[in-house]
Amino acid sequence: MRVDLFDFDLPEDNIALRPVSPREAAKLLVVQPGNAALYQDHTVGDLPSLLRAGDALVFNDTRVIPAQLEGIRHREGAGGQKVSATLHMRIAGDRWKAFAKPGKRIKLGDRITFGADLSATIEQKGEGGEVTLHFDASGPELDRAIATVGHIPLPPYIASKRAEDELDRKDYQTIYAREEGAVAAPTAGLHFTDALFEKLDALGVERHFVTLHVGAGTFLPVKADDTTEHVMHEEIGYVSEETAAALNAVKARGGRIVSVGTTSLRLLESAADEDGTIKPWSGATGIFITPGYRFRTADILMTNFHLPKSTLFMLVSAFSGLETMRGAYAHAIATGYRFYSYGDSSLLFRDHR
């Protein structure tokens, strides 16, 4: 499909630079294809009235690490040069794939010092500034060093307008985050609070967790003219045997699977058989979902509002229909919804037509 089909104009005023407080006070646009009331305006706090007993929420419990590193490149016969590296996928105890700037000037074998206890060698170079960093430290020692000198990698549309601060260390993390490794937050989950969980528990809505370590590739624009020419960056994730069995049981008794975030949905789809059975799964997924894709798992998707021409807007268009989602975004813009990571959310019902 042509990538320009997924383009739209977004006023700067609709881009959220901070989250609302409390978190569940964010707006929630309910989109129900085939329903006479196609678009309904709610808040996230209304979620218990929109779900029913027996439904199951699926959350991504990845935890954002301070993956933005600033350092100095060292090379024999050349002076030091400032280098910025955004870690996006761990491939070994002492190796990370990263996006480096300025990428074209970095060469194999270059040494980069990010801090007194954190140095690495450029082991491989790929396209678009991607490199493989071989760190001197490994395992927990490397994790501690990254946590000491790294910064929260705010999305470009926020970082271009303000610097990261201490509030982001809390705001850009879900309350249930536990598995360290993400470069970006699974932002649909940022809206949940303990109080909201208590209401959903009382209703009889189940809560299950999967893990997908969101990479910096989620921020990259689609530069191809056609979706068939775009290559997704892979992300590491896993679905436990316990979670797979619980979600299959939900489906078997007629309950609905509600994916909280596109990351949870991409992982569930990666783990599902053709008949929709969810299997225990682990590994790297580069699944790219565009209109025409046949979903096998989730019935409902909760997700924030995404960038024009992004793979995520393509995914939601596949889930609820391209024209439906173009209309939903037009409605959201016109009525003052806040977009992107710190913005408002939507509850999308799957278009089975």
Protein backbone atom coordinates (compact mmCIF):
# COMPACT_ATOMS: atom_id res chain seq x y z
CA MET A 1 0.00 0.00 0.00
CA ARG A 2 1.08 3.58 -0.57
CA VAL A 3 2.57 5.07 2.58
CA ASP A 4 0.97 8.45 1.87
CA LEU A 5 -2.45 6.87 2.53
CA PHE A 6 -1.47 6.97 6.22
CA ASP A 7 -0.54 10.64 6.31
CA PHE A 8 -2.45 13.36 8.15
CA ASP A 9 -1.83 16.89 9.43
CA LEU A 10 -1.36 17.30 13.17
CA PRO A 11 -1.25 20.76 14.79
CA GLU A 12 1.66 21.29 17.20
CA ASP A 13 -0.82 22.14 19.95
CA ASN A 14 -2.12 18.55 19.92
CA ILE A 15 1.28 17.07 20.88
CA ALA A 16 1.51 16.32 24.61
CA LEU A 17 4.78 17.25 26.35
CA ARG A 18 3.66 16.05 29.80
CA PRO A 19 1.07 13.50 30.92
CA VAL A 20 -2.14 14.49 32.67
CA SER A 21 -2.56 13.84 36.38
CA PRO A 22 -4.01 11.59 37.61
CA ARG A 23 -3.10 9.22 34.81
CA GLU A 24 -6.60 7.82 34.30
CA ALA A 25 -7.96 11.34 33.70
CA ALA A 26 -6.66 11.15 30.11
CA LYS A 27 -9.28 11.18 27.37
CA LEU A 28 -10.28 7.87 25.79
CA LEU A 29 -11.77 7.77 22.30
CA VAL A 30 -13.85 4.62 21.83
CA VAL A 31 -14.02 3.46 18.22
CA GLN A 32 -16.56 0.78 17.30
CA PRO A 33 -16.71 -0.09 13.58
CA GLY A 34 -20.23 -0.98 12.50
CA ASN A 35 -21.79 0.79 15.49
CA ALA A 36 -24.15 3.71 14.92
CA ALA A 37 -22.15 5.65 17.51
CA LEU A 38 -18.84 5.10 15.75
CA TYR A 39 -16.84 7.53 17.93
CA GLN A 40 -17.54 7.98 21.64
CA ASP A 41 -15.67 10.34 23.97
CA HIS A 42 -14.74 8.99 27.39
CA THR A 43 -11.84 9.08 29.85
CA VAL A 44 -9.54 6.20 30.75
CA GLY A 45 -11.24 6.15 34.15
CA ASP A 46 -14.41 4.98 32.36
CA LEU A 47 -12.72 1.75 31.27
CA PRO A 48 -14.57 -0.47 33.80
CA SER A 49 -17.90 0.60 32.24
CA LEU A 50 -16.62 -0.30 28.76
CA LEU A 51 -15.40 -3.80 29.60
CA ARG A 52 -17.17 -6.76 31.15
CA ALA A 53 -16.50 -9.64 33.51
CA GLY A 54 -14.48 -12.36 31.81
CA ASP A 55 -12.48 -10.00 29.60
CA ALA A 56 -8.71 -10.11 29.92
CA LEU A 57 -6.32 -7.17 29.72
CA VAL A 58 -2.86 -7.99 28.33
CA PHE A 59 -0.05 -5.66 29.43
CA ASN A 60 3.56 -5.35 28.34
CA ASP A 61 5.63 -5.35 31.55
CA THR A 62 8.90 -4.19 29.99
CA ARG A 63 10.80 -1.54 31.92
CA VAL A 64 12.41 1.46 30.22
CA ILE A 65 16.15 1.79 30.81
CA PRO A 66 18.16 5.04 30.49
CA ALA A 67 19.32 4.00 27.03
CA GLN A 68 20.39 7.40 25.68
CA LEU A 69 24.18 7.62 25.98
CA GLU A 70 26.45 10.60 25.27
CA GLY A 71 30.14 9.94 24.71
CA ILE A 72 33.44 10.77 23.03
CA ARG A 73 34.81 8.83 20.07
CA HIS A 74 38.51 7.98 20.10
CA ARG A 75 40.51 6.96 17.06
CA GLU A 76 44.23 6.71 16.43
CA GLY A 77 45.46 9.85 14.70
CA ALA A 78 42.22 11.75 15.28
CA GLY A 79 40.89 13.96 18.04
CA GLY A 80 37.87 13.16 20.16
CA GLN A 81 34.40 13.70 18.72
CA LYS A 82 31.06 13.84 20.50
CA VAL A 83 28.85 10.82 19.79
CA SER A 84 25.26 10.09 20.78
CA ALA A 85 24.06 6.48 20.94
CA THR A 86 20.55 5.19 21.59
CA LEU A 87 20.57 1.54 22.61
CA HIS A 88 17.70 -0.38 21.04
CA MET A 89 18.30 -4.16 21.33
CA ARG A 90 20.54 -6.23 23.54
CA ILE A 91 22.12 -9.14 21.66
CA ALA A 92 24.52 -10.44 24.32
CA GLY A 93 25.60 -9.73 27.88
CA ASP A 94 28.15 -7.22 26.62
CA ARG A 95 26.68 -6.17 23.26
CA TRP A 96 23.89 -3.81 22.22
CA LYS A 97 22.60 -2.67 18.86
CA ALA A 98 22.28 1.11 18.85
CA PHE A 99 21.54 4.09 16.62
CA ALA A 100 24.56 6.38 16.64
CA LYS A 101 24.97 10.01 15.60
CA PRO A 102 26.85 11.14 13.62
CA GLY A 103 26.61 7.67 12.15
CA LYS A 104 28.52 8.27 8.90
CA ARG A 105 31.69 9.38 10.67
CA ILE A 106 31.91 6.36 12.95
CA LYS A 107 34.16 3.53 11.76
CA LEU A 108 34.70 -0.08 12.78
CA GLY A 109 37.12 -0.33 15.67
CA ASP A 110 36.40 3.15 17.02
CA ARG A 111 36.41 3.38 20.80
CA ILE A 112 33.70 5.40 22.55
CA THR A 113 33.88 6.50 26.18
CA PHE A 114 30.47 7.20 27.71
CA GLY A 115 31.70 7.63 31.28
CA ALA A 116 34.45 6.67 33.68
CA ASP A 117 33.13 3.11 33.90
CA LEU A 118 31.49 2.72 30.50
CA SER A 119 33.38 2.27 27.22
CA ALA A 120 32.68 0.33 24.05
CA THR A 121 34.11 -0.59 20.66
CA ILE A 122 32.25 -0.29 17.35
CA GLU A 123 32.02 -3.93 16.32
CA GLN A 124 29.62 -3.67 13.35
CA LYS A 125 27.98 -0.98 11.23
CA GLY A 126 24.60 -1.21 9.53
CA GLU A 127 22.33 1.17 7.66
CA GLY A 128 20.77 4.34 9.01
CA GLY A 129 23.41 4.88 11.69
CA GLU A 130 22.89 1.48 13.31
CA VAL A 131 25.96 0.04 15.03
CA THR A 132 26.82 -2.86 17.32
CA LEU A 133 28.52 -1.71 20.52
CA HIS A 134 30.83 -4.20 22.26
CA PHE A 135 31.12 -2.91 25.83
CA ASP A 136 34.05 -3.56 28.14
CA ALA A 137 31.64 -4.47 30.93
CA SER A 138 29.01 -7.21 30.82
CA GLY A 139 25.85 -8.40 32.56
CA PRO A 140 24.82 -6.65 35.80
CA GLU A 141 28.02 -4.58 35.81
CA LEU A 142 27.10 -3.15 32.40
CA ASP A 143 23.51 -2.55 33.51
CA ARG A 144 24.69 -0.54 36.51
CA ALA A 145 27.04 1.54 34.37
CA ILE A 146 24.29 2.33 31.84
CA ALA A 147 21.89 3.27 34.65
CA THR A 148 24.50 5.64 36.09
CA VAL A 149 25.34 7.65 32.96
CA GLY A 150 22.35 7.07 30.67
CA HIS A 151 19.33 9.27 30.07
CA ILE A 152 15.70 8.39 29.43
CA PRO A 153 15.40 8.42 25.60
CA LEU A 154 12.39 10.68 25.20
CA PRO A 155 10.69 10.48 21.80
CA PRO A 156 12.06 13.02 19.28
CA TYR A 157 8.82 15.03 19.25
CA ILE A 158 9.27 15.69 22.98
CA ALA A 159 13.07 15.85 23.14
CA SER A 160 13.11 18.53 20.42
CA LYS A 161 10.99 20.80 22.63
CA ARG A 162 12.40 20.21 26.11
CA ALA A 163 15.12 18.34 27.98
CA GLU A 164 14.58 15.12 29.91
CA ASP A 165 14.22 15.66 33.67
CA GLU A 166 13.59 13.74 36.88
CA LEU A 167 9.81 13.71 36.32
CA ASP A 168 10.34 11.63 33.18
CA ARG A 169 12.01 8.87 35.20
CA LYS A 170 8.60 8.23 36.76
CA ASP A 171 6.20 9.52 34.12
CA TYR A 172 7.75 7.46 31.29
CA GLN A 173 7.29 4.16 33.15
CA THR A 174 4.20 2.03 33.73
CA ILE A 175 3.38 1.23 37.35
CA TYR A 176 3.79 -2.50 36.62
CA ALA A 177 7.10 -2.30 34.72
CA ARG A 178 9.49 -5.01 35.90
CA GLU A 179 11.52 -6.56 33.05
CA GLU A 180 14.34 -4.15 32.18
CA GLY A 181 15.28 -3.71 28.54
CA ALA A 182 13.00 -1.24 26.74
CA VAL A 183 14.17 1.94 25.07
CA ALA A 184 10.62 3.29 24.76
CA ALA A 185 7.63 2.91 27.05
CA PRO A 186 4.57 0.86 26.06
CA THR A 187 2.63 4.10 26.33
CA ALA A 188 -0.95 2.79 26.48
CA GLY A 189 -0.05 1.35 29.87
CA LEU A 190 1.01 4.72 31.26
CA HIS A 191 -2.65 5.53 31.96
CA PHE A 192 -3.18 2.79 34.55
CA THR A 193 -3.14 3.36 38.31
CA ASP A 194 -3.60 1.11 41.32
CA ALA A 195 -7.06 2.61 41.85
CA LEU A 196 -8.09 1.75 38.28
CA PHE A 197 -6.74 -1.78 38.70
CA GLU A 198 -8.88 -2.21 41.83
CA LYS A 199 -12.03 -1.25 39.91
CA LEU A 200 -11.21 -3.63 37.06
CA ASP A 201 -10.47 -6.43 39.53
CA ALA A 202 -13.83 -5.86 41.22
CA LEU A 203 -15.54 -6.10 37.83
CA GLY A 204 -13.92 -9.47 37.13
CA VAL A 205 -11.55 -8.36 34.37
CA GLU A 206 -8.41 -10.49 34.29
CA ARG A 207 -4.89 -9.08 34.08
CA HIS A 208 -2.04 -10.84 32.26
CA PHE A 209 1.47 -9.84 31.28
CA VAL A 210 3.78 -10.40 28.33
CA THR A 211 7.18 -8.81 27.68
CA LEU A 212 8.34 -7.02 24.54
CA HIS A 213 11.39 -4.80 24.91
CA VAL A 214 10.39 -1.82 22.80
CA GLY A 215 13.24 -0.57 20.61
CA ALA A 216 14.15 2.86 19.25
CA GLY A 217 12.95 1.66 15.85
CA THR A 218 9.44 2.52 17.01
CA PHE A 219 10.35 6.21 16.50
CA LEU A 220 11.79 5.78 13.01
CA PRO A 221 9.76 7.18 10.12
CA VAL A 222 8.75 5.02 7.18
CA LYS A 223 10.91 6.39 4.37
CA ALA A 224 9.68 4.02 1.65
CA ASP A 225 6.88 5.02 -0.71
CA ASP A 226 5.20 1.63 -0.40
CA THR A 227 4.67 -0.48 2.71
CA THR A 228 6.13 -3.55 0.97
CA GLU A 229 9.51 -1.79 0.87
CA HIS A 230 9.72 -1.06 4.60
CA VAL A 231 11.75 -3.32 6.92
CA MET A 232 10.88 -3.38 10.62
CA HIS A 233 13.57 -3.43 13.29
CA GLU A 234 13.29 -6.51 15.46
CA GLU A 235 12.46 -6.45 19.16
CA ILE A 236 13.00 -9.13 21.80
CA GLY A 237 10.04 -10.55 23.71
CA TYR A 238 8.44 -13.56 25.31
CA VAL A 239 5.06 -15.03 26.27
CA SER A 240 5.10 -17.44 29.18
CA GLU A 241 3.40 -20.84 29.16
CA GLU A 242 1.15 -19.67 32.01
CA THR A 243 0.02 -16.53 30.17
CA ALA A 244 -0.58 -18.39 26.90
CA ALA A 245 -2.74 -20.99 28.67
CA ALA A 246 -4.73 -18.31 30.54
CA LEU A 247 -5.47 -16.32 27.38
CA ASN A 248 -6.52 -19.42 25.44
CA ALA A 249 -8.92 -20.23 28.30
CA VAL A 250 -10.38 -16.70 28.10
CA LYS A 251 -11.07 -17.16 24.40
CA ALA A 252 -12.50 -20.65 24.89
CA ARG A 253 -15.16 -19.40 27.31
CA GLY A 254 -16.12 -16.42 25.15
CA GLY A 255 -14.20 -13.68 26.91
CA ARG A 256 -12.49 -10.89 25.01
CA ILE A 257 -8.76 -10.27 24.86
CA VAL A 258 -7.98 -6.59 25.30
CA SER A 259 -4.45 -5.74 24.23
CA VAL A 260 -3.06 -2.76 26.11
CA GLY A 261 -0.73 -1.27 23.53
CA THR A 262 0.46 -2.14 20.06
CA THR A 263 3.52 -3.84 21.55
CA SER A 264 1.38 -6.39 23.39
CA LEU A 265 -0.65 -6.97 20.24
CA ARG A 266 2.39 -7.46 18.00
CA LEU A 267 3.79 -9.97 20.46
CA LEU A 268 0.51 -11.90 20.77
CA GLU A 269 0.24 -12.09 16.99
CA SER A 270 3.82 -13.34 16.78
CA ALA A 271 3.02 -16.08 19.29
CA ALA A 272 -0.28 -17.24 17.75
CA ASP A 273 -0.94 -20.17 15.43
CA GLU A 274 -3.08 -19.76 12.32
CA ASP A 275 -6.15 -20.87 14.30
CA GLY A 276 -5.54 -18.21 16.96
CA THR A 277 -4.09 -20.50 19.62
CA ILE A 278 -1.48 -18.56 21.60
CA LYS A 279 1.71 -20.52 22.22
CA PRO A 280 4.53 -19.94 24.70
CA TRP A 281 7.03 -17.91 22.72
CA SER A 282 10.37 -16.15 22.99
CA GLY A 283 12.74 -14.52 20.53
CA ALA A 284 12.94 -11.55 18.19
CA THR A 285 9.93 -10.32 16.23
CA GLY A 286 9.84 -7.90 13.34
CA ILE A 287 6.16 -8.41 12.53
CA PHE A 288 4.81 -5.60 10.35
CA ILE A 289 1.02 -5.27 10.34
CA THR A 290 -0.78 -3.32 7.61
CA PRO A 291 -4.40 -3.30 6.32
CA GLY A 292 -5.32 -6.70 4.96
CA TYR A 293 -3.69 -8.54 7.86
CA ARG A 294 -5.94 -11.13 9.53
CA PHE A 295 -5.75 -10.76 13.30
CA ARG A 296 -5.82 -13.96 15.36
CA THR A 297 -5.77 -12.85 18.99
CA ALA A 298 -7.07 -9.54 20.38
CA ASP A 299 -10.67 -8.35 20.10
CA ILE A 300 -9.99 -4.86 21.47
CA LEU A 301 -6.90 -2.66 21.36
CA MET A 302 -6.15 0.19 23.75
CA THR A 303 -3.51 2.50 22.31
CA ASN A 304 -2.40 6.13 22.21
CA PHE A 305 -2.49 8.29 19.08
CA HIS A 306 0.38 7.72 16.67
CA LEU A 307 2.59 9.57 14.20
CA PRO A 308 1.53 10.18 10.59
CA LYS A 309 2.83 7.57 8.16
CA SER A 310 4.08 5.43 11.07
CA THR A 311 3.96 1.64 11.29
CA LEU A 312 1.74 2.05 14.36
CA PHE A 313 -0.88 4.08 12.51
CA MET A 314 -0.78 1.36 9.85
CA LEU A 315 -1.39 -1.26 12.55
CA VAL A 316 -4.43 0.50 14.04
CA SER A 317 -5.77 1.01 10.50
CA ALA A 318 -5.45 -2.73 9.94
CA PHE A 319 -7.29 -3.37 13.22
CA SER A 320 -10.28 -1.03 12.85
CA GLY A 321 -10.16 0.00 9.18
CA LEU A 322 -8.20 2.74 7.43
CA GLU A 323 -11.13 5.07 6.76
CA THR A 324 -12.47 4.51 10.26
CA MET A 325 -9.12 5.46 11.77
CA ARG A 326 -8.65 8.46 9.52
CA GLY A 327 -12.03 9.64 10.77
CA ALA A 328 -11.10 8.85 14.37
CA TYR A 329 -7.92 10.90 14.16
CA ALA A 330 -9.77 13.79 12.52
CA HIS A 331 -12.30 13.68 15.37
CA ALA A 332 -9.51 13.55 17.96
CA ILE A 333 -7.67 16.52 16.48
CA ALA A 334 -10.84 18.60 16.17
CA THR A 335 -11.91 17.91 19.77
CA GLY A 336 -8.54 18.55 21.41
CA TYR A 337 -7.18 15.08 22.12
CA ARG A 338 -3.48 15.05 23.05
CA PHE A 339 -1.24 12.91 20.83
CA TYR A 340 1.75 10.59 21.22
CA SER A 341 3.54 9.09 24.23
CA TYR A 342 2.26 11.43 26.95
CA GLY A 343 -1.08 12.00 25.26
CA ASP A 344 -4.59 10.60 25.44
CA SER A 345 -5.70 7.10 24.47
CA SER A 346 -8.19 5.20 22.37
CA LEU A 347 -10.12 1.95 22.75
CA LEU A 348 -10.41 0.32 19.36
CA PHE A 349 -12.79 -2.52 18.57
CA ARG A 350 -11.71 -4.88 15.84
CA ASP A 351 -13.45 -4.59 12.48
CA HIS A 352 -14.51 -8.15 11.64
CA ARG A 353 -16.05 -7.15 8.32
